[in-house]
Amino acid sequence: MSESSASGVHGVSGMSVAAAFAGMRSAAPVVFRAGCPDCRGRFELAASALRLAIGASSRTTFYSFTCPDCGAAVRKPAGERIVELLTGGGVRTLRLHSTV
C-alpha cells in the first residue's frame, strides 16, 4: 500500500470536521427575483416562499408563490433552466406522476 493511500484521500486522514470547514464562510441565503402579473409588484422571495411542481410535460411543470404585495396566488411555467435554478436553490419540489 502506498503512503498516499494509507493516509486517506489526499492526505487528510484524521482531520476534524471543524478543521476542514475552518476557513469557510457561511453562505448567504438564496433569494429569487419574482414579479406578480396581477399587481405588477417586483420583489425577492426566499426559497421557502416558492413551490416547484415537476410534471410529465412542460405544461405541467410550474412554480408558484403568493404575492407578498397583493396576496394573489401566482403560478408560472418552469422550463429546464428554471427547474435547475430552483432545485439548486433549495425550493421544495413536488413530482407529479401520471395516472395513465
PDB file of N, CA and C in Angstrom:
ATOM      1  N   MET A   1       0.848  -1.164   0.000  1.00  0.00           N
ATOM      2  CA  MET A   1       0.000   0.000   0.000  1.00  0.00           C
ATOM      3  C   MET A   1       0.897   1.231   0.000  1.00  0.00           C
ATOM      4  N   SER A   2       0.613   2.184  -0.853  1.00  0.00           N
ATOM      5  CA  SER A   2       1.449   3.376  -0.926  1.00  0.00           C
ATOM      6  C   SER A   2       1.134   4.310   0.229  1.00  0.00           C
ATOM      7  N   GLU A   3       2.021   5.222   0.484  1.00  0.00           N
ATOM      8  CA  GLU A   3       1.840   6.157   1.597  1.00  0.00           C
ATOM      9  C   GLU A   3       0.607   7.029   1.406  1.00  0.00           C
ATOM     10  N   SER A   4       0.345   7.469   0.155  1.00  0.00           N
ATOM     11  CA  SER A   4      -0.798   8.349  -0.077  1.00  0.00           C
ATOM     12  C   SER A   4      -2.120   7.631   0.154  1.00  0.00           C
ATOM     13  N   SER A   5      -2.211   6.347  -0.219  1.00  0.00           N
ATOM     14  CA  SER A   5      -3.474   5.653   0.003  1.00  0.00           C
ATOM     15  C   SER A   5      -3.637   5.267   1.464  1.00  0.00           C
ATOM     16  N   ALA A   6      -2.554   5.077   2.175  1.00  0.00           N
ATOM     17  CA  ALA A   6      -2.648   4.729   3.592  1.00  0.00           C
ATOM     18  C   ALA A   6      -3.091   5.924   4.426  1.00  0.00           C
ATOM     19  N   SER A   7      -2.806   7.122   3.972  1.00  0.00           N
ATOM     20  CA  SER A   7      -3.158   8.304   4.760  1.00  0.00           C
ATOM     21  C   SER A   7      -4.537   8.853   4.410  1.00  0.00           C
ATOM     22  N   GLY A   8      -5.269   8.198   3.537  1.00  0.00           N
ATOM     23  CA  GLY A   8      -6.630   8.642   3.214  1.00  0.00           C
ATOM     24  C   GLY A   8      -6.652   9.483   1.957  1.00  0.00           C
ATOM     25  N   VAL A   9      -7.794  10.000   1.654  1.00  0.00           N
ATOM     26  CA  VAL A   9      -7.982  10.793   0.452  1.00  0.00           C
ATOM     27  C   VAL A   9      -7.174  12.072   0.548  1.00  0.00           C
ATOM     28  N   HIS A  10      -6.301  12.268  -0.375  1.00  0.00           N
ATOM     29  CA  HIS A  10      -5.462  13.471  -0.467  1.00  0.00           C
ATOM     30  C   HIS A  10      -4.735  13.794   0.839  1.00  0.00           C
ATOM     31  N   GLY A  11      -4.461  12.800   1.646  1.00  0.00           N
ATOM     32  CA  GLY A  11      -3.670  13.012   2.858  1.00  0.00           C
ATOM     33  C   GLY A  11      -4.376  13.762   3.962  1.00  0.00           C
ATOM     34  N   VAL A  12      -5.700  13.716   4.034  1.00  0.00           N
ATOM     35  CA  VAL A  12      -6.425  14.452   5.072  1.00  0.00           C
ATOM     36  C   VAL A  12      -6.988  13.520   6.143  1.00  0.00           C
ATOM     37  N   SER A  13      -6.501  12.323   6.210  1.00  0.00           N
ATOM     38  CA  SER A  13      -6.974  11.392   7.228  1.00  0.00           C
ATOM     39  C   SER A  13      -6.736  11.973   8.610  1.00  0.00           C
ATOM     40  N   GLY A  14      -7.721  11.847   9.466  1.00  0.00           N
ATOM     41  CA  GLY A  14      -7.577  12.329  10.834  1.00  0.00           C
ATOM     42  C   GLY A  14      -7.931  13.797  11.018  1.00  0.00           C
ATOM     43  N   MET A  15      -8.273  14.496   9.950  1.00  0.00           N
ATOM     44  CA  MET A  15      -8.642  15.900  10.078  1.00  0.00           C
ATOM     45  C   MET A  15     -10.054  15.992  10.645  1.00  0.00           C
ATOM     46  N   SER A  16     -10.244  16.859  11.603  1.00  0.00           N
ATOM     47  CA  SER A  16     -11.573  17.014  12.192  1.00  0.00           C
ATOM     48  C   SER A  16     -12.481  17.799  11.257  1.00  0.00           C
ATOM     49  N   VAL A  17     -13.774  17.656  11.443  1.00  0.00           N
ATOM     50  CA  VAL A  17     -14.748  18.404  10.649  1.00  0.00           C
ATOM     51  C   VAL A  17     -14.537  19.901  10.867  1.00  0.00           C
ATOM     52  N   ALA A  18     -14.313  20.315  12.104  1.00  0.00           N
ATOM     53  CA  ALA A  18     -14.094  21.732  12.402  1.00  0.00           C
ATOM     54  C   ALA A  18     -12.893  22.271  11.645  1.00  0.00           C
ATOM     55  N   ALA A  19     -11.811  21.483  11.579  1.00  0.00           N
ATOM     56  CA  ALA A  19     -10.615  21.923  10.863  1.00  0.00           C
ATOM     57  C   ALA A  19     -10.879  21.997   9.360  1.00  0.00           C
ATOM     58  N   ALA A  20     -11.638  21.038   8.846  1.00  0.00           N
ATOM     59  CA  ALA A  20     -11.921  21.011   7.413  1.00  0.00           C
ATOM     60  C   ALA A  20     -12.742  22.220   6.971  1.00  0.00           C
ATOM     61  N   PHE A  21     -13.641  22.691   7.828  1.00  0.00           N
ATOM     62  CA  PHE A  21     -14.511  23.808   7.471  1.00  0.00           C
ATOM     63  C   PHE A  21     -14.087  25.132   8.101  1.00  0.00           C
ATOM     64  N   ALA A  22     -12.934  25.182   8.714  1.00  0.00           N
ATOM     65  CA  ALA A  22     -12.490  26.362   9.455  1.00  0.00           C
ATOM     66  C   ALA A  22     -12.429  27.627   8.602  1.00  0.00           C
ATOM     67  N   GLY A  23     -12.017  27.526   7.359  1.00  0.00           N
ATOM     68  CA  GLY A  23     -11.870  28.717   6.524  1.00  0.00           C
ATOM     69  C   GLY A  23     -13.112  29.102   5.765  1.00  0.00           C
ATOM     70  N   MET A  24     -14.170  28.327   5.865  1.00  0.00           N
ATOM     71  CA  MET A  24     -15.378  28.610   5.097  1.00  0.00           C
ATOM     72  C   MET A  24     -16.221  29.682   5.768  1.00  0.00           C
ATOM     73  N   ARG A  25     -16.827  30.489   4.949  1.00  0.00           N
ATOM     74  CA  ARG A  25     -17.777  31.492   5.441  1.00  0.00           C
ATOM     75  C   ARG A  25     -19.173  30.919   5.324  1.00  0.00           C
ATOM     76  N   SER A  26     -20.084  31.437   6.113  1.00  0.00           N
ATOM     77  CA  SER A  26     -21.456  30.964   5.990  1.00  0.00           C
ATOM     78  C   SER A  26     -22.031  31.477   4.672  1.00  0.00           C
ATOM     79  N   ALA A  27     -22.843  30.666   4.058  1.00  0.00           N
ATOM     80  CA  ALA A  27     -23.429  31.028   2.774  1.00  0.00           C
ATOM     81  C   ALA A  27     -24.622  31.952   2.990  1.00  0.00           C
ATOM     82  N   ALA A  28     -24.743  32.927   2.105  1.00  0.00           N
ATOM     83  CA  ALA A  28     -25.898  33.828   2.166  1.00  0.00           C
ATOM     84  C   ALA A  28     -27.134  33.058   1.718  1.00  0.00           C
ATOM     85  N   PRO A  29     -28.279  33.344   2.308  1.00  0.00           N
ATOM     86  CA  PRO A  29     -29.497  32.648   1.884  1.00  0.00           C
ATOM     87  C   PRO A  29     -29.801  32.962   0.418  1.00  0.00           C
ATOM     88  N   VAL A  30     -30.326  31.984  -0.283  1.00  0.00           N
ATOM     89  CA  VAL A  30     -30.670  32.153  -1.691  1.00  0.00           C
ATOM     90  C   VAL A  30     -31.984  32.918  -1.778  1.00  0.00           C
ATOM     91  N   VAL A  31     -32.024  33.916  -2.636  1.00  0.00           N
ATOM     92  CA  VAL A  31     -33.267  34.642  -2.906  1.00  0.00           C
ATOM     93  C   VAL A  31     -33.512  34.644  -4.406  1.00  0.00           C
ATOM     94  N   PHE A  32     -34.765  34.654  -4.768  1.00  0.00           N
ATOM     95  CA  PHE A  32     -35.163  34.640  -6.165  1.00  0.00           C
ATOM     96  C   PHE A  32     -35.956  35.895  -6.468  1.00  0.00           C
ATOM     97  N   ARG A  33     -35.674  36.517  -7.602  1.00  0.00           N
ATOM     98  CA  ARG A  33     -36.452  37.679  -8.032  1.00  0.00           C
ATOM     99  C   ARG A  33     -37.717  37.173  -8.713  1.00  0.00           C
ATOM    100  N   ALA A  34     -38.812  37.827  -8.414  1.00  0.00           N
ATOM    101  CA  ALA A  34     -40.094  37.419  -8.996  1.00  0.00           C
ATOM    102  C   ALA A  34     -40.964  38.648  -9.215  1.00  0.00           C
ATOM    103  N   GLY A  35     -42.013  38.457  -9.968  1.00  0.00           N
ATOM    104  CA  GLY A  35     -42.956  39.522 -10.229  1.00  0.00           C
ATOM    105  C   GLY A  35     -44.372  38.986 -10.230  1.00  0.00           C
ATOM    106  N   CYS A  36     -45.302  39.838  -9.872  1.00  0.00           N
ATOM    107  CA  CYS A  36     -46.711  39.462  -9.826  1.00  0.00           C
ATOM    108  C   CYS A  36     -47.416  39.993 -11.077  1.00  0.00           C
ATOM    109  N   PRO A  37     -48.082  39.121 -11.821  1.00  0.00           N
ATOM    110  CA  PRO A  37     -48.804  39.596 -13.007  1.00  0.00           C
ATOM    111  C   PRO A  37     -50.065  40.397 -12.658  1.00  0.00           C
ATOM    112  N   ASP A  38     -50.571  40.240 -11.433  1.00  0.00           N
ATOM    113  CA  ASP A  38     -51.787  40.966 -11.038  1.00  0.00           C
ATOM    114  C   ASP A  38     -51.496  42.417 -10.660  1.00  0.00           C
ATOM    115  N   CYS A  39     -50.601  42.625  -9.698  1.00  0.00           N
ATOM    116  CA  CYS A  39     -50.338  43.985  -9.212  1.00  0.00           C
ATOM    117  C   CYS A  39     -49.069  44.590  -9.817  1.00  0.00           C
ATOM    118  N   ARG A  40     -48.348  43.805 -10.595  1.00  0.00           N
ATOM    119  CA  ARG A  40     -47.092  44.232 -11.236  1.00  0.00           C
ATOM    120  C   ARG A  40     -45.968  44.497 -10.235  1.00  0.00           C
ATOM    121  N   GLY A  41     -46.131  44.020  -9.007  1.00  0.00           N
ATOM    122  CA  GLY A  41     -45.090  44.177  -7.994  1.00  0.00           C
ATOM    123  C   GLY A  41     -43.852  43.370  -8.345  1.00  0.00           C
ATOM    124  N   ARG A  42     -42.688  43.887  -7.966  1.00  0.00           N
ATOM    125  CA  ARG A  42     -41.397  43.205  -8.148  1.00  0.00           C
ATOM    126  C   ARG A  42     -40.806  43.028  -6.767  1.00  0.00           C
ATOM    127  N   PHE A  43     -40.261  41.839  -6.483  1.00  0.00           N
ATOM    128  CA  PHE A  43     -39.768  41.544  -5.145  1.00  0.00           C
ATOM    129  C   PHE A  43     -38.804  40.377  -5.189  1.00  0.00           C
ATOM    130  N   GLU A  44     -38.193  40.101  -4.053  1.00  0.00           N
ATOM    131  CA  GLU A  44     -37.329  38.937  -3.893  1.00  0.00           C
ATOM    132  C   GLU A  44     -37.991  37.989  -2.907  1.00  0.00           C
ATOM    133  N   LEU A  45     -37.904  36.694  -3.206  1.00  0.00           N
ATOM    134  CA  LEU A  45     -38.504  35.675  -2.354  1.00  0.00           C
ATOM    135  C   LEU A  45     -37.447  34.671  -1.911  1.00  0.00           C
ATOM    136  N   ALA A  46     -37.560  34.227  -0.686  1.00  0.00           N
ATOM    137  CA  ALA A  46     -36.698  33.155  -0.192  1.00  0.00           C
ATOM    138  C   ALA A  46     -37.164  31.844  -0.815  1.00  0.00           C
ATOM    139  N   ALA A  47     -36.292  30.860  -0.834  1.00  0.00           N
ATOM    140  CA  ALA A  47     -36.634  29.547  -1.380  1.00  0.00           C
ATOM    141  C   ALA A  47     -37.867  28.966  -0.687  1.00  0.00           C
ATOM    142  N   SER A  48     -38.024  29.236   0.588  1.00  0.00           N
ATOM    143  CA  SER A  48     -39.160  28.692   1.341  1.00  0.00           C
ATOM    144  C   SER A  48     -40.501  29.278   0.902  1.00  0.00           C
ATOM    145  N   ALA A  49     -40.498  30.400   0.177  1.00  0.00           N
ATOM    146  CA  ALA A  49     -41.736  31.033  -0.275  1.00  0.00           C
ATOM    147  C   ALA A  49     -42.208  30.500  -1.624  1.00  0.00           C
ATOM    148  N   LEU A  50     -41.385  29.670  -2.257  1.00  0.00           N
ATOM    149  CA  LEU A  50     -41.710  29.133  -3.577  1.00  0.00           C
ATOM    150  C   LEU A  50     -41.994  27.647  -3.500  1.00  0.00           C
ATOM    151  N   ARG A  51     -42.782  27.150  -4.441  1.00  0.00           N
ATOM    152  CA  ARG A  51     -43.036  25.724  -4.619  1.00  0.00           C
ATOM    153  C   ARG A  51     -42.814  25.397  -6.086  1.00  0.00           C
ATOM    154  N   LEU A  52     -42.234  24.247  -6.352  1.00  0.00           N
ATOM    155  CA  LEU A  52     -41.982  23.800  -7.715  1.00  0.00           C
ATOM    156  C   LEU A  52     -42.703  22.484  -7.923  1.00  0.00           C
ATOM    157  N   ALA A  53     -43.477  22.389  -8.996  1.00  0.00           N
ATOM    158  CA  ALA A  53     -44.159  21.137  -9.361  1.00  0.00           C
ATOM    159  C   ALA A  53     -43.582  20.684 -10.698  1.00  0.00           C
ATOM    160  N   ILE A  54     -43.082  19.466 -10.724  1.00  0.00           N
ATOM    161  CA  ILE A  54     -42.493  18.921 -11.950  1.00  0.00           C
ATOM    162  C   ILE A  54     -43.416  17.837 -12.475  1.00  0.00           C
ATOM    163  N   GLY A  55     -43.973  18.090 -13.646  1.00  0.00           N
ATOM    164  CA  GLY A  55     -44.891  17.148 -14.274  1.00  0.00           C
ATOM    165  C   GLY A  55     -44.231  16.417 -15.434  1.00  0.00           C
ATOM    166  N   ALA A  56     -45.049  15.686 -16.161  1.00  0.00           N
ATOM    167  CA  ALA A  56     -44.558  14.886 -17.279  1.00  0.00           C
ATOM    168  C   ALA A  56     -44.272  15.729 -18.519  1.00  0.00           C
ATOM    169  N   SER A  57     -44.770  16.958 -18.557  1.00  0.00           N
ATOM    170  CA  SER A  57     -44.563  17.808 -19.729  1.00  0.00           C
ATOM    171  C   SER A  57     -44.305  19.249 -19.285  1.00  0.00           C
ATOM    172  N   SER A  58     -43.976  20.082 -20.251  1.00  0.00           N
ATOM    173  CA  SER A  58     -43.742  21.497 -19.938  1.00  0.00           C
ATOM    174  C   SER A  58     -45.029  22.169 -19.472  1.00  0.00           C
ATOM    175  N   ARG A  59     -46.184  21.652 -19.883  1.00  0.00           N
ATOM    176  CA  ARG A  59     -47.462  22.234 -19.466  1.00  0.00           C
ATOM    177  C   ARG A  59     -47.781  21.937 -18.008  1.00  0.00           C
ATOM    178  N   THR A  60     -47.178  20.890 -17.467  1.00  0.00           N
ATOM    179  CA  THR A  60     -47.465  20.518 -16.085  1.00  0.00           C
ATOM    180  C   THR A  60     -46.275  20.736 -15.159  1.00  0.00           C
ATOM    181  N   THR A  61     -45.306  21.512 -15.623  1.00  0.00           N
ATOM    182  CA  THR A  61     -44.155  21.863 -14.795  1.00  0.00           C
ATOM    183  C   THR A  61     -44.220  23.362 -14.541  1.00  0.00           C
ATOM    184  N   PHE A  62     -44.312  23.745 -13.273  1.00  0.00           N
ATOM    185  CA  PHE A  62     -44.507  25.159 -12.936  1.00  0.00           C
ATOM    186  C   PHE A  62     -43.991  25.436 -11.526  1.00  0.00           C
ATOM    187  N   TYR A  63     -43.834  26.717 -11.229  1.00  0.00           N
ATOM    188  CA  TYR A  63     -43.539  27.132  -9.864  1.00  0.00           C
ATOM    189  C   TYR A  63     -44.639  28.083  -9.422  1.00  0.00           C
ATOM    190  N   SER A  64     -44.815  28.157  -8.114  1.00  0.00           N
ATOM    191  CA  SER A  64     -45.877  29.012  -7.600  1.00  0.00           C
ATOM    192  C   SER A  64     -45.440  29.694  -6.311  1.00  0.00           C
ATOM    193  N   PHE A  65     -46.116  30.802  -6.027  1.00  0.00           N
ATOM    194  CA  PHE A  65     -45.860  31.568  -4.806  1.00  0.00           C
ATOM    195  C   PHE A  65     -47.047  32.482  -4.569  1.00  0.00           C
ATOM    196  N   THR A  66     -47.102  33.042  -3.387  1.00  0.00           N
ATOM    197  CA  THR A  66     -48.113  34.034  -3.059  1.00  0.00           C
ATOM    198  C   THR A  66     -47.462  35.406  -3.104  1.00  0.00           C
ATOM    199  N   CYS A  67     -48.065  36.323  -3.834  1.00  0.00           N
ATOM    200  CA  CYS A  67     -47.507  37.671  -3.954  1.00  0.00           C
ATOM    201  C   CYS A  67     -47.504  38.346  -2.585  1.00  0.00           C
ATOM    202  N   PRO A  68     -46.343  38.803  -2.128  1.00  0.00           N
ATOM    203  CA  PRO A  68     -46.283  39.462  -0.830  1.00  0.00           C
ATOM    204  C   PRO A  68     -46.937  40.852  -0.834  1.00  0.00           C
ATOM    205  N   ASP A  69     -47.150  41.433  -2.017  1.00  0.00           N
ATOM    206  CA  ASP A  69     -47.748  42.765  -2.108  1.00  0.00           C
ATOM    207  C   ASP A  69     -49.282  42.724  -2.096  1.00  0.00           C
ATOM    208  N   CYS A  70     -49.870  41.842  -2.937  1.00  0.00           N
ATOM    209  CA  CYS A  70     -51.334  41.825  -3.055  1.00  0.00           C
ATOM    210  C   CYS A  70     -51.982  40.526  -2.586  1.00  0.00           C
ATOM    211  N   GLY A  71     -51.190  39.499  -2.298  1.00  0.00           N
ATOM    212  CA  GLY A  71     -51.730  38.240  -1.800  1.00  0.00           C
ATOM    213  C   GLY A  71     -52.235  37.287  -2.869  1.00  0.00           C
ATOM    214  N   ALA A  72     -52.048  37.635  -4.134  1.00  0.00           N
ATOM    215  CA  ALA A  72     -52.512  36.764  -5.225  1.00  0.00           C
ATOM    216  C   ALA A  72     -51.685  35.482  -5.284  1.00  0.00           C
ATOM    217  N   ALA A  73     -52.353  34.384  -5.622  1.00  0.00           N
ATOM    218  CA  ALA A  73     -51.658  33.121  -5.871  1.00  0.00           C
ATOM    219  C   ALA A  73     -51.124  33.182  -7.300  1.00  0.00           C
ATOM    220  N   VAL A  74     -49.803  33.047  -7.451  1.00  0.00           N
ATOM    221  CA  VAL A  74     -49.161  33.173  -8.754  1.00  0.00           C
ATOM    222  C   VAL A  74     -48.600  31.820  -9.162  1.00  0.00           C
ATOM    223  N   ARG A  75     -48.853  31.453 -10.419  1.00  0.00           N
ATOM    224  CA  ARG A  75     -48.334  30.202 -10.979  1.00  0.00           C
ATOM    225  C   ARG A  75     -47.718  30.527 -12.325  1.00  0.00           C
ATOM    226  N   LYS A  76     -46.436  30.118 -12.489  1.00  0.00           N
ATOM    227  CA  LYS A  76     -45.725  30.413 -13.727  1.00  0.00           C
ATOM    228  C   LYS A  76     -45.063  29.150 -14.261  1.00  0.00           C
ATOM    229  N   PRO A  77     -44.962  29.027 -15.602  1.00  0.00           N
ATOM    230  CA  PRO A  77     -44.316  27.846 -16.173  1.00  0.00           C
ATOM    231  C   PRO A  77     -42.829  27.817 -15.819  1.00  0.00           C
ATOM    232  N   ALA A  78     -42.297  26.611 -15.700  1.00  0.00           N
ATOM    233  CA  ALA A  78     -40.874  26.446 -15.369  1.00  0.00           C
ATOM    234  C   ALA A  78     -40.219  25.550 -16.406  1.00  0.00           C
ATOM    235  N   GLY A  79     -39.353  26.152 -17.208  1.00  0.00           N
ATOM    236  CA  GLY A  79     -38.568  25.386 -18.168  1.00  0.00           C
ATOM    237  C   GLY A  79     -37.396  24.708 -17.461  1.00  0.00           C
ATOM    238  N   GLU A  80     -36.589  24.008 -18.233  1.00  0.00           N
ATOM    239  CA  GLU A  80     -35.470  23.249 -17.668  1.00  0.00           C
ATOM    240  C   GLU A  80     -34.524  24.109 -16.841  1.00  0.00           C
ATOM    241  N   ARG A  81     -34.179  25.284 -17.318  1.00  0.00           N
ATOM    242  CA  ARG A  81     -33.238  26.154 -16.606  1.00  0.00           C
ATOM    243  C   ARG A  81     -33.838  26.644 -15.284  1.00  0.00           C
ATOM    244  N   ILE A  82     -35.106  27.018 -15.292  1.00  0.00           N
ATOM    245  CA  ILE A  82     -35.776  27.465 -14.070  1.00  0.00           C
ATOM    246  C   ILE A  82     -35.826  26.322 -13.057  1.00  0.00           C
ATOM    247  N   VAL A  83     -36.157  25.120 -13.519  1.00  0.00           N
ATOM    248  CA  VAL A  83     -36.188  23.954 -12.627  1.00  0.00           C
ATOM    249  C   VAL A  83     -34.812  23.748 -11.998  1.00  0.00           C
ATOM    250  N   GLU A  84     -33.770  23.839 -12.807  1.00  0.00           N
ATOM    251  CA  GLU A  84     -32.401  23.675 -12.311  1.00  0.00           C
ATOM    252  C   GLU A  84     -32.052  24.722 -11.254  1.00  0.00           C
ATOM    253  N   LEU A  85     -32.391  25.968 -11.512  1.00  0.00           N
ATOM    254  CA  LEU A  85     -32.094  27.051 -10.563  1.00  0.00           C
ATOM    255  C   LEU A  85     -32.885  26.902  -9.258  1.00  0.00           C
ATOM    256  N   LEU A  86     -34.164  26.588  -9.380  1.00  0.00           N
ATOM    257  CA  LEU A  86     -34.996  26.473  -8.181  1.00  0.00           C
ATOM    258  C   LEU A  86     -34.599  25.279  -7.324  1.00  0.00           C
ATOM    259  N   THR A  87     -34.371  24.127  -7.947  1.00  0.00           N
ATOM    260  CA  THR A  87     -33.972  22.956  -7.159  1.00  0.00           C
ATOM    261  C   THR A  87     -32.603  23.169  -6.543  1.00  0.00           C
ATOM    262  N   GLY A  88     -31.687  23.790  -7.280  1.00  0.00           N
ATOM    263  CA  GLY A  88     -30.356  24.083  -6.750  1.00  0.00           C
ATOM    264  C   GLY A  88     -30.390  25.088  -5.615  1.00  0.00           C
ATOM    265  N   GLY A  89     -31.423  25.931  -5.598  1.00  0.00           N
ATOM    266  CA  GLY A  89     -31.559  26.943  -4.562  1.00  0.00           C
ATOM    267  C   GLY A  89     -32.361  26.485  -3.362  1.00  0.00           C
ATOM    268  N   GLY A  90     -32.774  25.229  -3.352  1.00  0.00           N
ATOM    269  CA  GLY A  90     -33.452  24.695  -2.187  1.00  0.00           C
ATOM    270  C   GLY A  90     -34.966  24.830  -2.165  1.00  0.00           C
ATOM    271  N   VAL A  91     -35.575  25.127  -3.307  1.00  0.00           N
ATOM    272  CA  VAL A  91     -37.032  25.237  -3.360  1.00  0.00           C
ATOM    273  C   VAL A  91     -37.649  23.846  -3.227  1.00  0.00           C
ATOM    274  N   ARG A  92     -38.677  23.737  -2.390  1.00  0.00           N
ATOM    275  CA  ARG A  92     -39.363  22.462  -2.214  1.00  0.00           C
ATOM    276  C   ARG A  92     -40.025  22.048  -3.520  1.00  0.00           C
ATOM    277  N   THR A  93     -39.867  20.768  -3.846  1.00  0.00           N
ATOM    278  CA  THR A  93     -40.308  20.256  -5.139  1.00  0.00           C
ATOM    279  C   THR A  93     -41.313  19.121  -4.969  1.00  0.00           C
ATOM    280  N   LEU A  94     -42.346  19.157  -5.790  1.00  0.00           N
ATOM    281  CA  LEU A  94     -43.343  18.108  -5.846  1.00  0.00           C
ATOM    282  C   LEU A  94     -43.270  17.499  -7.226  1.00  0.00           C
ATOM    283  N   ARG A  95     -43.093  16.188  -7.292  1.00  0.00           N
ATOM    284  CA  ARG A  95     -43.079  15.495  -8.585  1.00  0.00           C
ATOM    285  C   ARG A  95     -44.478  14.947  -8.843  1.00  0.00           C
ATOM    286  N   LEU A  96     -45.062  15.393  -9.952  1.00  0.00           N
ATOM    287  CA  LEU A  96     -46.403  14.954 -10.323  1.00  0.00           C
ATOM    288  C   LEU A  96     -46.286  13.685 -11.159  1.00  0.00           C
ATOM    289  N   HIS A  97     -47.039  12.673 -10.808  1.00  0.00           N
ATOM    290  CA  HIS A  97     -46.998  11.402 -11.539  1.00  0.00           C
ATOM    291  C   HIS A  97     -48.259  11.231 -12.373  1.00  0.00           C
ATOM    292  N   SER A  98     -48.082  10.660 -13.533  1.00  0.00           N
ATOM    293  CA  SER A  98     -49.205  10.399 -14.422  1.00  0.00           C
ATOM    294  C   SER A  98     -50.016   9.221 -13.895  1.00  0.00           C
ATOM    295  N   THR A  99     -51.331   9.285 -14.036  1.00  0.00           N
ATOM    296  CA  THR A  99     -52.177   8.186 -13.600  1.00  0.00           C
ATOM    297  C   THR A  99     -52.440   7.211 -14.741  1.00  0.00           C
ATOM    298  N   VAL A 100     -51.904   7.483 -15.913  1.00  0.00           N
ATOM    299  CA  VAL A 100     -52.100   6.606 -17.091  1.00  0.00           C
ATOM    300  C   VAL A 100     -51.014   5.582 -17.143  1.00  0.00           C
TER     301      VAL A 100
END
